């Protein structure tokens, strides 16, 4: 059983860099009042898909996020890994 646990741990460690390489990390600056626009600390601005705007209600300034899938997905690692569909505006 110990070998299985070690193999699973190794799999997790080896797969983590692949996720990190596919995403850029950043921090949220303000989220617009209507939750449609999120500005990032490094200057990017994203429009949130209408269907996902309710999901960003709890997102706050300085939440840590990953910008993934060629700038089409935002993953908030501060808020339980919530994911929303985005479109880069700037």
PDB file of N, CA and C in Angstrom:
ATOM      1  N   UNK A   1       0.811  -1.198   0.000  1.00  0.00           N
ATOM      2  CA  UNK A   1       0.000   0.000   0.000  1.00  0.00           C
ATOM      3  C   UNK A   1       0.861   1.272   0.000  1.00  0.00           C
ATOM      4  N   UNK A   2       2.053   1.203   0.650  1.00  0.00           N
ATOM      5  CA  UNK A   2       2.952   2.343   0.694  1.00  0.00           C
ATOM      6  C   UNK A   2       3.451   2.732  -0.683  1.00  0.00           C
ATOM      7  N   UNK A   3       3.658   1.740  -1.545  1.00  0.00           N
ATOM      8  CA  UNK A   3       4.123   2.024  -2.910  1.00  0.00           C
ATOM      9  C   UNK A   3       3.059   2.772  -3.701  1.00  0.00           C
ATOM     10  N   UNK A   4       1.801   2.411  -3.469  1.00  0.00           N
ATOM     11  CA  UNK A   4       0.703   3.096  -4.162  1.00  0.00           C
ATOM     12  C   UNK A   4       0.638   4.553  -3.737  1.00  0.00           C
ATOM     13  N   UNK A   5       0.749   4.809  -2.449  1.00  0.00           N
ATOM     14  CA  UNK A   5       0.720   6.187  -1.947  1.00  0.00           C
ATOM     15  C   UNK A   5       1.892   6.989  -2.507  1.00  0.00           C
ATOM     16  N   UNK A   6       3.063   6.376  -2.548  1.00  0.00           N
ATOM     17  CA  UNK A   6       4.235   7.059  -3.092  1.00  0.00           C
ATOM     18  C   UNK A   6       4.056   7.354  -4.574  1.00  0.00           C
ATOM     19  N   UNK A   7       3.488   6.416  -5.311  1.00  0.00           N
ATOM     20  CA  UNK A   7       3.246   6.624  -6.744  1.00  0.00           C
ATOM     21  C   UNK A   7       2.245   7.747  -6.967  1.00  0.00           C
ATOM     22  N   UNK A   8       1.193   7.806  -6.163  1.00  0.00           N
ATOM     23  CA  UNK A   8       0.205   8.882  -6.291  1.00  0.00           C
ATOM     24  C   UNK A   8       0.821  10.233  -5.951  1.00  0.00           C
ATOM     25  N   UNK A   9       1.642  10.288  -4.906  1.00  0.00           N
ATOM     26  CA  UNK A   9       2.311  11.534  -4.530  1.00  0.00           C
ATOM     27  C   UNK A   9       3.226  12.009  -5.651  1.00  0.00           C
ATOM     28  N   UNK A  10       3.957  11.084  -6.248  1.00  0.00           N
ATOM     29  CA  UNK A  10       4.845  11.428  -7.358  1.00  0.00           C
ATOM     30  C   UNK A  10       4.052  11.954  -8.545  1.00  0.00           C
ATOM     31  N   UNK A  11       2.915  11.351  -8.824  1.00  0.00           N
ATOM     32  CA  UNK A  11       2.064  11.805  -9.917  1.00  0.00           C
ATOM     33  C   UNK A  11       1.592  13.230  -9.687  1.00  0.00           C
ATOM     34  N   UNK A  12       1.198  13.547  -8.476  1.00  0.00           N
ATOM     35  CA  UNK A  12       0.753  14.906  -8.149  1.00  0.00           C
ATOM     36  C   UNK A  12       1.892  15.897  -8.332  1.00  0.00           C
ATOM     37  N   UNK A  13       3.058  15.568  -7.845  1.00  0.00           N
ATOM     38  CA  UNK A  13       4.213  16.462  -7.960  1.00  0.00           C
ATOM     39  C   UNK A  13       4.587  16.680  -9.422  1.00  0.00           C
ATOM     40  N   UNK A  14       4.586  15.635 -10.210  1.00  0.00           N
ATOM     41  CA  UNK A  14       4.979  15.754 -11.614  1.00  0.00           C
ATOM     42  C   UNK A  14       3.941  16.483 -12.459  1.00  0.00           C
ATOM     43  N   UNK A  15       2.680  16.403 -12.085  1.00  0.00           N
ATOM     44  CA  UNK A  15       1.652  17.065 -12.891  1.00  0.00           C
ATOM     45  C   UNK A  15       1.475  18.526 -12.512  1.00  0.00           C
ATOM     46  N   UNK A  16       1.910  18.942 -11.348  1.00  0.00           N
ATOM     47  CA  UNK A  16       1.748  20.331 -10.915  1.00  0.00           C
ATOM     48  C   UNK A  16       2.446  21.324 -11.838  1.00  0.00           C
ATOM     49  N   UNK A  17       3.694  21.100 -12.263  1.00  0.00           N
ATOM     50  CA  UNK A  17       4.332  22.065 -13.152  1.00  0.00           C
ATOM     51  C   UNK A  17       3.610  22.227 -14.483  1.00  0.00           C
ATOM     52  N   UNK A  18       2.985  21.191 -14.990  1.00  0.00           N
ATOM     53  CA  UNK A  18       2.253  21.302 -16.257  1.00  0.00           C
ATOM     54  C   UNK A  18       1.114  22.292 -16.117  1.00  0.00           C
ATOM     55  N   UNK A  19       0.415  22.257 -14.960  1.00  0.00           N
ATOM     56  CA  UNK A  19      -0.674  23.208 -14.738  1.00  0.00           C
ATOM     57  C   UNK A  19      -0.110  24.615 -14.641  1.00  0.00           C
ATOM     58  N   UNK A  20       0.970  24.768 -13.901  1.00  0.00           N
ATOM     59  CA  UNK A  20       1.552  26.088 -13.702  1.00  0.00           C
ATOM     60  C   UNK A  20       2.068  26.664 -15.009  1.00  0.00           C
ATOM     61  N   UNK A  21       2.617  25.831 -15.896  1.00  0.00           N
ATOM     62  CA  UNK A  21       3.139  26.316 -17.158  1.00  0.00           C
ATOM     63  C   UNK A  21       2.024  26.760 -18.093  1.00  0.00           C
ATOM     64  N   UNK A  22       0.851  26.174 -17.975  1.00  0.00           N
ATOM     65  CA  UNK A  22      -0.253  26.506 -18.859  1.00  0.00           C
ATOM     66  C   UNK A  22      -0.991  27.756 -18.399  1.00  0.00           C
ATOM     67  N   UNK A  23      -0.673  28.252 -17.215  1.00  0.00           N
ATOM     68  CA  UNK A  23      -1.387  29.388 -16.645  1.00  0.00           C
ATOM     69  C   UNK A  23      -0.397  30.443 -16.162  1.00  0.00           C
ATOM     70  N   UNK A  24      -0.866  31.673 -16.123  1.00  0.00           N
ATOM     71  CA  UNK A  24      -0.098  32.774 -15.536  1.00  0.00           C
ATOM     72  C   UNK A  24      -0.782  33.157 -14.231  1.00  0.00           C
ATOM     73  N   UNK A  25       0.005  33.457 -13.195  1.00  0.00           N
ATOM     74  CA  UNK A  25      -0.639  33.881 -11.965  1.00  0.00           C
ATOM     75  C   UNK A  25      -0.603  35.393 -11.857  1.00  0.00           C
ATOM     76  N   UNK A  26      -1.593  35.920 -11.172  1.00  0.00           N
ATOM     77  CA  UNK A  26      -1.761  37.356 -11.016  1.00  0.00           C
ATOM     78  C   UNK A  26      -2.652  37.567  -9.803  1.00  0.00           C
ATOM     79  N   UNK A  27      -2.912  38.819  -9.485  1.00  0.00           N
ATOM     80  CA  UNK A  27      -3.821  39.148  -8.388  1.00  0.00           C
ATOM     81  C   UNK A  27      -4.892  40.095  -8.910  1.00  0.00           C
ATOM     82  N   UNK A  28      -6.068  39.951  -8.345  1.00  0.00           N
ATOM     83  CA  UNK A  28      -7.181  40.808  -8.753  1.00  0.00           C
ATOM     84  C   UNK A  28      -6.992  42.206  -8.184  1.00  0.00           C
ATOM     85  N   UNK A  29      -7.192  43.180  -9.025  1.00  0.00           N
ATOM     86  CA  UNK A  29      -7.354  44.559  -8.601  1.00  0.00           C
ATOM     87  C   UNK A  29      -8.868  44.699  -8.468  1.00  0.00           C
ATOM     88  N   UNK A  30      -9.490  45.774  -8.850  1.00  0.00           N
ATOM     89  CA  UNK A  30     -10.938  45.855  -8.647  1.00  0.00           C
ATOM     90  C   UNK A  30     -11.753  44.969  -9.583  1.00  0.00           C
ATOM     91  N   UNK A  31     -12.895  44.525  -9.072  1.00  0.00           N
ATOM     92  CA  UNK A  31     -13.931  43.862  -9.868  1.00  0.00           C
ATOM     93  C   UNK A  31     -15.029  44.912 -10.030  1.00  0.00           C
ATOM     94  N   UNK A  32     -15.527  45.085 -11.257  1.00  0.00           N
ATOM     95  CA  UNK A  32     -16.550  46.106 -11.470  1.00  0.00           C
ATOM     96  C   UNK A  32     -17.804  45.795 -10.655  1.00  0.00           C
ATOM     97  N   UNK A  33     -18.556  46.823 -10.367  1.00  0.00           N
ATOM     98  CA  UNK A  33     -19.756  46.686  -9.538  1.00  0.00           C
ATOM     99  C   UNK A  33     -20.734  45.661 -10.110  1.00  0.00           C
ATOM    100  N   UNK A  34     -20.863  45.627 -11.438  1.00  0.00           N
ATOM    101  CA  UNK A  34     -21.795  44.666 -12.057  1.00  0.00           C
ATOM    102  C   UNK A  34     -21.131  43.308 -12.323  1.00  0.00           C
ATOM    103  N   UNK A  35     -19.871  43.152 -11.889  1.00  0.00           N
ATOM    104  CA  UNK A  35     -19.113  41.900 -11.984  1.00  0.00           C
ATOM    105  C   UNK A  35     -18.772  41.494 -13.411  1.00  0.00           C
ATOM    106  N   UNK A  36     -18.855  42.414 -14.345  1.00  0.00           N
ATOM    107  CA  UNK A  36     -18.587  42.070 -15.742  1.00  0.00           C
ATOM    108  C   UNK A  36     -17.121  42.255 -16.126  1.00  0.00           C
ATOM    109  N   UNK A  37     -16.371  43.065 -15.384  1.00  0.00           N
ATOM    110  CA  UNK A  37     -14.983  43.376 -15.710  1.00  0.00           C
ATOM    111  C   UNK A  37     -14.098  43.129 -14.486  1.00  0.00           C
ATOM    112  N   UNK A  38     -12.967  42.452 -14.719  1.00  0.00           N
ATOM    113  CA  UNK A  38     -11.982  42.234 -13.664  1.00  0.00           C
ATOM    114  C   UNK A  38     -10.656  42.793 -14.156  1.00  0.00           C
ATOM    115  N   UNK A  39     -10.068  43.681 -13.351  1.00  0.00           N
ATOM    116  CA  UNK A  39      -8.754  44.231 -13.668  1.00  0.00           C
ATOM    117  C   UNK A  39      -7.725  43.493 -12.820  1.00  0.00           C
ATOM    118  N   UNK A  40      -6.581  43.183 -13.443  1.00  0.00           N
ATOM    119  CA  UNK A  40      -5.527  42.449 -12.765  1.00  0.00           C
ATOM    120  C   UNK A  40      -4.407  43.397 -12.328  1.00  0.00           C
ATOM    121  N   UNK A  41      -3.670  43.002 -11.312  1.00  0.00           N
ATOM    122  CA  UNK A  41      -2.569  43.798 -10.775  1.00  0.00           C
ATOM    123  C   UNK A  41      -1.537  44.137 -11.847  1.00  0.00           C
ATOM    124  N   UNK A  42      -1.252  43.178 -12.750  1.00  0.00           N
ATOM    125  CA  UNK A  42      -0.253  43.406 -13.794  1.00  0.00           C
ATOM    126  C   UNK A  42      -0.794  44.160 -15.008  1.00  0.00           C
ATOM    127  N   UNK A  43      -2.050  44.632 -14.934  1.00  0.00           N
ATOM    128  CA  UNK A  43      -2.587  45.501 -15.970  1.00  0.00           C
ATOM    129  C   UNK A  43      -3.581  44.900 -16.940  1.00  0.00           C
ATOM    130  N   UNK A  44      -3.694  43.588 -17.001  1.00  0.00           N
ATOM    131  CA  UNK A  44      -4.670  42.972 -17.913  1.00  0.00           C
ATOM    132  C   UNK A  44      -6.092  43.280 -17.431  1.00  0.00           C
ATOM    133  N   UNK A  45      -7.003  43.344 -18.379  1.00  0.00           N
ATOM    134  CA  UNK A  45      -8.416  43.566 -18.074  1.00  0.00           C
ATOM    135  C   UNK A  45      -9.210  42.488 -18.798  1.00  0.00           C
ATOM    136  N   UNK A  46     -10.138  41.854 -18.074  1.00  0.00           N
ATOM    137  CA  UNK A  46     -10.925  40.762 -18.626  1.00  0.00           C
ATOM    138  C   UNK A  46     -12.413  41.015 -18.458  1.00  0.00           C
ATOM    139  N   UNK A  47     -13.166  40.619 -19.485  1.00  0.00           N
ATOM    140  CA  UNK A  47     -14.625  40.650 -19.427  1.00  0.00           C
ATOM    141  C   UNK A  47     -15.075  39.251 -19.015  1.00  0.00           C
ATOM    142  N   UNK A  48     -15.940  39.163 -18.007  1.00  0.00           N
ATOM    143  CA  UNK A  48     -16.443  37.886 -17.499  1.00  0.00           C
ATOM    144  C   UNK A  48     -17.689  37.499 -18.290  1.00  0.00           C
ATOM    145  N   UNK A  49     -17.774  36.240 -18.686  1.00  0.00           N
ATOM    146  CA  UNK A  49     -18.954  35.748 -19.403  1.00  0.00           C
ATOM    147  C   UNK A  49     -20.200  36.011 -18.558  1.00  0.00           C
ATOM    148  N   UNK A  50     -21.258  36.426 -19.201  1.00  0.00           N
ATOM    149  CA  UNK A  50     -22.508  36.755 -18.501  1.00  0.00           C
ATOM    150  C   UNK A  50     -22.962  35.615 -17.591  1.00  0.00           C
ATOM    151  N   UNK A  51     -22.823  34.390 -18.053  1.00  0.00           N
ATOM    152  CA  UNK A  51     -23.273  33.228 -17.274  1.00  0.00           C
ATOM    153  C   UNK A  51     -22.428  32.981 -16.022  1.00  0.00           C
ATOM    154  N   UNK A  52     -21.243  33.590 -15.935  1.00  0.00           N
ATOM    155  CA  UNK A  52     -20.348  33.378 -14.790  1.00  0.00           C
ATOM    156  C   UNK A  52     -20.279  34.560 -13.829  1.00  0.00           C
ATOM    157  N   UNK A  53     -20.997  35.623 -14.108  1.00  0.00           N
ATOM    158  CA  UNK A  53     -20.867  36.830 -13.280  1.00  0.00           C
ATOM    159  C   UNK A  53     -21.310  36.621 -11.841  1.00  0.00           C
ATOM    160  N   UNK A  54     -22.268  35.757 -11.609  1.00  0.00           N
ATOM    161  CA  UNK A  54     -22.676  35.456 -10.239  1.00  0.00           C
ATOM    162  C   UNK A  54     -21.578  34.762  -9.462  1.00  0.00           C
ATOM    163  N   UNK A  55     -20.732  34.020 -10.169  1.00  0.00           N
ATOM    164  CA  UNK A  55     -19.647  33.282  -9.514  1.00  0.00           C
ATOM    165  C   UNK A  55     -18.560  34.196  -8.964  1.00  0.00           C
ATOM    166  N   UNK A  56     -18.428  35.408  -9.489  1.00  0.00           N
ATOM    167  CA  UNK A  56     -17.377  36.311  -9.018  1.00  0.00           C
ATOM    168  C   UNK A  56     -17.859  37.239  -7.903  1.00  0.00           C
ATOM    169  N   UNK A  57     -19.069  37.033  -7.406  1.00  0.00           N
ATOM    170  CA  UNK A  57     -19.621  37.898  -6.358  1.00  0.00           C
ATOM    171  C   UNK A  57     -18.751  37.935  -5.111  1.00  0.00           C
ATOM    172  N   UNK A  58     -18.090  36.839  -4.777  1.00  0.00           N
ATOM    173  CA  UNK A  58     -17.255  36.776  -3.576  1.00  0.00           C
ATOM    174  C   UNK A  58     -15.783  37.079  -3.840  1.00  0.00           C
ATOM    175  N   UNK A  59     -15.429  37.374  -5.075  1.00  0.00           N
ATOM    176  CA  UNK A  59     -14.034  37.636  -5.409  1.00  0.00           C
ATOM    177  C   UNK A  59     -13.663  39.039  -4.938  1.00  0.00           C
ATOM    178  N   UNK A  60     -12.476  39.153  -4.370  1.00  0.00           N
ATOM    179  CA  UNK A  60     -12.040  40.411  -3.774  1.00  0.00           C
ATOM    180  C   UNK A  60     -10.701  40.864  -4.346  1.00  0.00           C
ATOM    181  N   UNK A  61     -10.425  42.141  -4.179  1.00  0.00           N
ATOM    182  CA  UNK A  61      -9.115  42.694  -4.513  1.00  0.00           C
ATOM    183  C   UNK A  61      -8.061  41.883  -3.773  1.00  0.00           C
ATOM    184  N   UNK A  62      -6.997  41.573  -4.414  1.00  0.00           N
ATOM    185  CA  UNK A  62      -5.848  40.819  -3.914  1.00  0.00           C
ATOM    186  C   UNK A  62      -6.051  39.310  -3.861  1.00  0.00           C
ATOM    187  N   UNK A  63      -7.197  38.783  -4.365  1.00  0.00           N
ATOM    188  CA  UNK A  63      -7.332  37.333  -4.507  1.00  0.00           C
ATOM    189  C   UNK A  63      -6.297  36.857  -5.514  1.00  0.00           C
ATOM    190  N   UNK A  64      -5.681  35.728  -5.234  1.00  0.00           N
ATOM    191  CA  UNK A  64      -4.702  35.116  -6.135  1.00  0.00           C
ATOM    192  C   UNK A  64      -5.446  34.330  -7.210  1.00  0.00           C
ATOM    193  N   UNK A  65      -5.103  34.541  -8.486  1.00  0.00           N
ATOM    194  CA  UNK A  65      -5.778  33.855  -9.581  1.00  0.00           C
ATOM    195  C   UNK A  65      -4.772  33.312 -10.586  1.00  0.00           C
ATOM    196  N   UNK A  66      -5.212  32.322 -11.346  1.00  0.00           N
ATOM    197  CA  UNK A  66      -4.482  31.828 -12.509  1.00  0.00           C
ATOM    198  C   UNK A  66      -5.278  32.214 -13.748  1.00  0.00           C
ATOM    199  N   UNK A  67      -4.581  32.713 -14.757  1.00  0.00           N
ATOM    200  CA  UNK A  67      -5.177  33.029 -16.052  1.00  0.00           C
ATOM    201  C   UNK A  67      -4.755  31.896 -16.977  1.00  0.00           C
ATOM    202  N   UNK A  68      -5.733  31.105 -17.448  1.00  0.00           N
ATOM    203  CA  UNK A  68      -5.421  29.862 -18.157  1.00  0.00           C
ATOM    204  C   UNK A  68      -6.093  29.792 -19.526  1.00  0.00           C
ATOM    205  N   UNK A  69      -5.769  28.725 -20.226  1.00  0.00           N
ATOM    206  CA  UNK A  69      -6.398  28.373 -21.502  1.00  0.00           C
ATOM    207  C   UNK A  69      -6.364  29.527 -22.493  1.00  0.00           C
ATOM    208  N   UNK A  70      -5.151  30.053 -22.694  1.00  0.00           N
ATOM    209  CA  UNK A  70      -4.969  31.150 -23.653  1.00  0.00           C
ATOM    210  C   UNK A  70      -5.869  32.332 -23.340  1.00  0.00           C
ATOM    211  N   UNK A  71      -5.896  32.721 -22.072  1.00  0.00           N
ATOM    212  CA  UNK A  71      -6.668  33.873 -21.586  1.00  0.00           C
ATOM    213  C   UNK A  71      -8.175  33.704 -21.739  1.00  0.00           C
ATOM    214  N   UNK A  72      -8.680  32.479 -21.629  1.00  0.00           N
ATOM    215  CA  UNK A  72     -10.131  32.280 -21.713  1.00  0.00           C
ATOM    216  C   UNK A  72     -10.727  31.764 -20.408  1.00  0.00           C
ATOM    217  N   UNK A  73      -9.874  31.521 -19.397  1.00  0.00           N
ATOM    218  CA  UNK A  73     -10.372  31.006 -18.128  1.00  0.00           C
ATOM    219  C   UNK A  73      -9.596  31.633 -16.980  1.00  0.00           C
ATOM    220  N   UNK A  74     -10.334  32.039 -15.952  1.00  0.00           N
ATOM    221  CA  UNK A  74      -9.739  32.605 -14.751  1.00  0.00           C
ATOM    222  C   UNK A  74     -10.066  31.679 -13.594  1.00  0.00           C
ATOM    223  N   UNK A  75      -9.037  31.264 -12.843  1.00  0.00           N
ATOM    224  CA  UNK A  75      -9.211  30.351 -11.716  1.00  0.00           C
ATOM    225  C   UNK A  75      -8.795  31.098 -10.457  1.00  0.00           C
ATOM    226  N   UNK A  76      -9.718  31.265  -9.534  1.00  0.00           N
ATOM    227  CA  UNK A  76      -9.429  31.970  -8.287  1.00  0.00           C
ATOM    228  C   UNK A  76      -8.975  30.953  -7.248  1.00  0.00           C
ATOM    229  N   UNK A  77      -7.687  30.936  -6.952  1.00  0.00           N
ATOM    230  CA  UNK A  77      -7.164  29.966  -5.989  1.00  0.00           C
ATOM    231  C   UNK A  77      -7.434  30.394  -4.559  1.00  0.00           C
ATOM    232  N   UNK A  78      -7.774  31.647  -4.333  1.00  0.00           N
ATOM    233  CA  UNK A  78      -8.130  32.119  -2.999  1.00  0.00           C
ATOM    234  C   UNK A  78      -9.530  31.662  -2.634  1.00  0.00           C
ATOM    235  N   UNK A  79     -10.428  31.597  -3.614  1.00  0.00           N
ATOM    236  CA  UNK A  79     -11.827  31.228  -3.367  1.00  0.00           C
ATOM    237  C   UNK A  79     -12.091  29.835  -3.937  1.00  0.00           C
ATOM    238  N   UNK A  80     -11.564  28.817  -3.296  1.00  0.00           N
ATOM    239  CA  UNK A  80     -11.869  27.412  -3.593  1.00  0.00           C
ATOM    240  C   UNK A  80     -11.676  26.996  -5.045  1.00  0.00           C
ATOM    241  N   UNK A  81     -10.814  27.657  -5.784  1.00  0.00           N
ATOM    242  CA  UNK A  81     -10.563  27.252  -7.162  1.00  0.00           C
ATOM    243  C   UNK A  81     -11.707  27.552  -8.112  1.00  0.00           C
ATOM    244  N   UNK A  82     -12.569  28.526  -7.751  1.00  0.00           N
ATOM    245  CA  UNK A  82     -13.667  28.903  -8.661  1.00  0.00           C
ATOM    246  C   UNK A  82     -13.112  29.247 -10.027  1.00  0.00           C
ATOM    247  N   UNK A  83     -13.803  28.808 -11.089  1.00  0.00           N
ATOM    248  CA  UNK A  83     -13.391  29.066 -12.471  1.00  0.00           C
ATOM    249  C   UNK A  83     -14.487  29.831 -13.205  1.00  0.00           C
ATOM    250  N   UNK A  84     -14.065  30.828 -14.001  1.00  0.00           N
ATOM    251  CA  UNK A  84     -15.006  31.552 -14.838  1.00  0.00           C
ATOM    252  C   UNK A  84     -14.419  31.707 -16.237  1.00  0.00           C
ATOM    253  N   UNK A  85     -15.289  31.842 -17.200  1.00  0.00           N
ATOM    254  CA  UNK A  85     -14.895  32.078 -18.577  1.00  0.00           C
ATOM    255  C   UNK A  85     -14.699  33.578 -18.769  1.00  0.00           C
ATOM    256  N   UNK A  86     -13.594  33.932 -19.426  1.00  0.00           N
ATOM    257  CA  UNK A  86     -13.263  35.339 -19.622  1.00  0.00           C
ATOM    258  C   UNK A  86     -12.867  35.626 -21.063  1.00  0.00           C
ATOM    259  N   UNK A  87     -12.837  36.902 -21.369  1.00  0.00           N
ATOM    260  CA  UNK A  87     -12.327  37.383 -22.653  1.00  0.00           C
ATOM    261  C   UNK A  87     -11.423  38.564 -22.358  1.00  0.00           C
ATOM    262  N   UNK A  88     -10.220  38.545 -22.911  1.00  0.00           N
ATOM    263  CA  UNK A  88      -9.286  39.658 -22.646  1.00  0.00           C
ATOM    264  C   UNK A  88      -9.774  40.922 -23.349  1.00  0.00           C
ATOM    265  N   UNK A  89      -9.832  42.012 -22.602  1.00  0.00           N
ATOM    266  CA  UNK A  89     -10.207  43.318 -23.143  1.00  0.00           C
ATOM    267  C   UNK A  89      -8.937  44.130 -23.400  1.00  0.00           C
ATOM    268  N   UNK A  90      -7.998  44.003 -22.469  1.00  0.00           N
ATOM    269  CA  UNK A  90      -6.724  44.740 -22.585  1.00  0.00           C
ATOM    270  C   UNK A  90      -5.646  43.937 -21.902  1.00  0.00           C
TER     271      UNK A  90
END
